[in-house]
Amino acid sequence: MAALLGVPRQDAEALCAEFIGDGVLQPANYNEPGQIVIAGETARVQQVVEAVKTRGLGRPRLLKVSAPFHCRMLQPAADRLDVLLHQVTYHPFHLPVLSNVTAQPYVSHHDVPIQLVAQICAPVRWEDSMRYAIEQGCDSLLEVGPGKVLAGLMRRIAPEVEVLALEEM
């Protein structure tokens, strides 16, 4: 995986299309404007990193990760998770819940296992999800979990949106 910093979405997608060949290479995270993470076979990811450098498109950073997350190389994991998630009982939502696969609210609680399985191989549409929330009137968010990574992304997506970190509360 590699983060392409300062590379517009359409350029990152074009680079993946250019270097995919008959292998695996795709956007994995649409984090914020100008920060796209790509995932796939190591050699193909490295080709994109070199192309970004030589073409002066932005600042690529190889990521030290244990697997190429959010890409189709993880289909075997998605298949195993599918079996497990379909054994769980899901209940109707009381509030809208956004799917990072579609950047839209889940239509039904029955979609939860389908969307969670899809998330393993599909890109995370974080920027799109946050823009949807803002369009719906969201003006403050709560970041749950350690760190403030998502708050930092939101400052670059919509600096007017307040983000509170649960770890500080």
Protein backbone atom coordinates (compact mmCIF):
# COMPACT_ATOMS: atom_id res chain seq x y z
CA MET A 1 0.00 0.00 0.00
CA ALA A 2 1.08 3.55 -0.61
CA ALA A 3 -0.34 6.94 0.30
CA LEU A 4 -0.36 9.37 -2.60
CA LEU A 5 -0.16 12.80 -0.98
CA GLY A 6 -1.07 15.80 -3.08
CA VAL A 7 -2.35 13.58 -5.89
CA PRO A 8 -5.91 14.33 -7.03
CA ARG A 9 -8.40 11.48 -7.06
CA GLN A 10 -8.67 11.31 -10.86
CA ASP A 11 -4.85 11.13 -11.20
CA ALA A 12 -4.60 8.34 -8.62
CA GLU A 13 -7.32 6.39 -10.42
CA ALA A 14 -5.60 6.95 -13.78
CA LEU A 15 -2.28 5.71 -12.39
CA CYS A 16 -3.94 2.54 -11.10
CA ALA A 17 -5.52 1.96 -14.51
CA GLU A 18 -2.17 2.58 -16.21
CA PHE A 19 -0.14 0.17 -14.09
CA ILE A 20 -2.67 -2.57 -13.24
CA GLY A 21 -1.82 -4.74 -16.24
CA ASP A 22 -3.26 -8.18 -15.54
CA GLY A 23 -2.67 -7.83 -11.80
CA VAL A 24 -4.22 -6.12 -8.79
CA LEU A 25 -3.90 -2.39 -8.16
CA GLN A 26 -6.66 -0.09 -6.97
CA PRO A 27 -7.52 2.88 -4.79
CA ALA A 28 -8.02 1.62 -1.24
CA ASN A 29 -8.82 4.79 0.71
CA TYR A 30 -10.22 8.12 -0.44
CA ASN A 31 -9.19 9.85 2.78
CA GLU A 32 -9.28 13.55 1.94
CA PRO A 33 -8.70 15.84 -1.02
CA GLY A 34 -5.22 14.99 -2.24
CA GLN A 35 -4.71 11.90 -0.09
CA ILE A 36 -5.51 8.65 -1.81
CA VAL A 37 -4.14 5.32 -0.60
CA ILE A 38 -3.60 2.60 -3.17
CA ALA A 39 -3.28 -1.14 -2.63
CA GLY A 40 -2.32 -4.14 -4.70
CA GLU A 41 0.60 -6.24 -5.70
CA THR A 42 3.86 -4.82 -4.35
CA ALA A 43 5.56 -4.38 -7.73
CA ARG A 44 2.57 -2.50 -9.16
CA VAL A 45 2.28 -0.23 -6.12
CA GLN A 46 6.01 0.54 -6.42
CA GLN A 47 5.55 1.39 -10.12
CA VAL A 48 2.91 3.96 -9.17
CA VAL A 49 5.16 5.39 -6.44
CA GLU A 50 7.99 5.83 -8.96
CA ALA A 51 5.64 7.37 -11.53
CA VAL A 52 4.35 9.90 -9.00
CA LYS A 53 7.94 10.87 -8.18
CA THR A 54 9.22 11.09 -11.76
CA ARG A 55 6.15 12.94 -13.02
CA GLY A 56 6.15 15.37 -10.11
CA LEU A 57 2.53 14.57 -9.23
CA GLY A 58 2.85 14.58 -5.46
CA ARG A 59 4.56 12.88 -2.55
CA PRO A 60 4.12 9.10 -2.45
CA ARG A 61 4.72 7.19 0.78
CA LEU A 62 4.95 3.42 0.98
CA LEU A 63 2.98 2.19 3.99
CA LYS A 64 4.24 -0.51 6.34
CA VAL A 65 1.17 -2.72 6.55
CA SER A 66 0.63 -6.44 6.99
CA ALA A 67 -1.67 -6.81 3.98
CA PRO A 68 -3.05 -4.86 1.00
CA PHE A 69 -6.24 -3.78 2.74
CA HIS A 70 -9.40 -2.70 0.90
CA CYS A 71 -8.47 -4.40 -2.36
CA ARG A 72 -9.52 -7.57 -4.12
CA MET A 73 -6.42 -9.45 -3.00
CA LEU A 74 -8.30 -9.96 0.28
CA GLN A 75 -11.26 -11.74 -1.32
CA PRO A 76 -10.49 -15.00 0.58
CA ALA A 77 -10.79 -13.09 3.87
CA ALA A 78 -14.04 -11.51 2.66
CA ASP A 79 -15.44 -14.94 1.85
CA ARG A 80 -14.62 -16.24 5.33
CA LEU A 81 -16.07 -13.17 7.03
CA ASP A 82 -19.23 -13.44 4.93
CA VAL A 83 -20.04 -16.80 6.51
CA LEU A 84 -19.53 -15.45 10.03
CA LEU A 85 -21.42 -12.18 9.57
CA HIS A 86 -24.45 -13.98 8.20
CA GLN A 87 -24.71 -15.87 11.50
CA VAL A 88 -25.25 -12.64 13.44
CA THR A 89 -28.66 -11.10 14.14
CA TYR A 90 -28.95 -7.44 13.14
CA HIS A 91 -31.61 -5.06 14.39
CA PRO A 92 -33.12 -1.96 12.77
CA PHE A 93 -31.18 1.27 13.24
CA HIS A 94 -32.51 4.08 15.40
CA LEU A 95 -30.19 6.57 13.69
CA PRO A 96 -28.71 6.63 10.19
CA VAL A 97 -25.46 4.69 9.83
CA LEU A 98 -23.18 5.50 6.90
CA SER A 99 -21.48 2.84 4.86
CA ASN A 100 -17.94 3.69 3.79
CA VAL A 101 -18.48 1.46 0.74
CA THR A 102 -21.26 3.63 -0.67
CA ALA A 103 -20.82 6.87 1.31
CA GLN A 104 -24.58 6.65 1.91
CA PRO A 105 -26.68 5.43 4.84
CA TYR A 106 -27.46 1.75 5.03
CA VAL A 107 -30.88 1.20 3.49
CA SER A 108 -31.69 -1.53 5.99
CA HIS A 109 -30.07 -3.39 8.86
CA HIS A 110 -30.14 -6.41 6.55
CA ASP A 111 -27.42 -4.70 4.47
CA VAL A 112 -24.89 -4.71 7.32
CA PRO A 113 -23.21 -8.05 6.56
CA ILE A 114 -23.21 -7.34 2.82
CA GLN A 115 -21.57 -3.94 3.26
CA LEU A 116 -19.05 -5.13 5.86
CA VAL A 117 -17.95 -7.96 3.59
CA ALA A 118 -17.73 -5.57 0.64
CA GLN A 119 -15.58 -3.20 2.73
CA ILE A 120 -12.77 -5.74 2.83
CA CYS A 121 -12.16 -5.45 -0.93
CA ALA A 122 -13.70 -2.04 -1.70
CA PRO A 123 -12.13 1.36 -1.16
CA VAL A 124 -12.98 3.32 1.97
CA ARG A 125 -14.84 6.41 0.80
CA TRP A 126 -14.10 8.46 3.89
CA GLU A 127 -14.07 11.87 2.22
CA ASP A 128 -17.33 11.12 0.40
CA SER A 129 -18.91 9.81 3.61
CA MET A 130 -17.98 12.95 5.52
CA ARG A 131 -19.22 15.22 2.73
CA TYR A 132 -22.54 13.34 2.80
CA ALA A 133 -22.78 13.86 6.58
CA ILE A 134 -22.11 17.58 6.15
CA GLU A 135 -24.77 17.84 3.42
CA GLN A 136 -27.21 16.31 5.91
CA GLY A 137 -26.48 19.07 8.40
CA CYS A 138 -23.76 17.49 10.53
CA ASP A 139 -21.60 20.22 12.04
CA SER A 140 -19.81 18.25 14.77
CA LEU A 141 -18.41 14.73 15.01
CA LEU A 142 -17.14 12.39 17.71
CA GLU A 143 -14.01 10.37 16.96
CA VAL A 144 -14.17 7.05 18.78
CA GLY A 145 -10.94 5.16 19.37
CA PRO A 146 -7.33 6.06 19.99
CA GLY A 147 -5.68 8.99 18.27
CA LYS A 148 -6.99 11.85 16.19
CA VAL A 149 -6.34 10.68 12.63
CA LEU A 150 -9.93 11.17 11.51
CA ALA A 151 -10.05 14.64 13.08
CA GLY A 152 -7.00 15.56 11.02
CA LEU A 153 -8.64 14.29 7.84
CA MET A 154 -11.79 16.25 8.62
CA ARG A 155 -9.80 19.48 9.10
CA ARG A 156 -8.73 19.14 5.46
CA ILE A 157 -12.20 18.09 4.21
CA ALA A 158 -14.27 20.66 6.11
CA PRO A 159 -12.38 22.72 8.70
CA GLU A 160 -15.61 24.29 9.97
CA VAL A 161 -16.80 20.93 11.35
CA GLU A 162 -15.93 20.43 15.02
CA VAL A 163 -14.42 17.02 15.84
CA LEU A 164 -14.27 15.84 19.44
CA ALA A 165 -12.10 12.90 20.43
CA LEU A 166 -13.67 10.37 22.80
CA GLU A 167 -10.29 9.70 24.39
CA GLU A 168 -10.23 13.31 25.61
CA MET A 169 -13.68 13.16 27.19
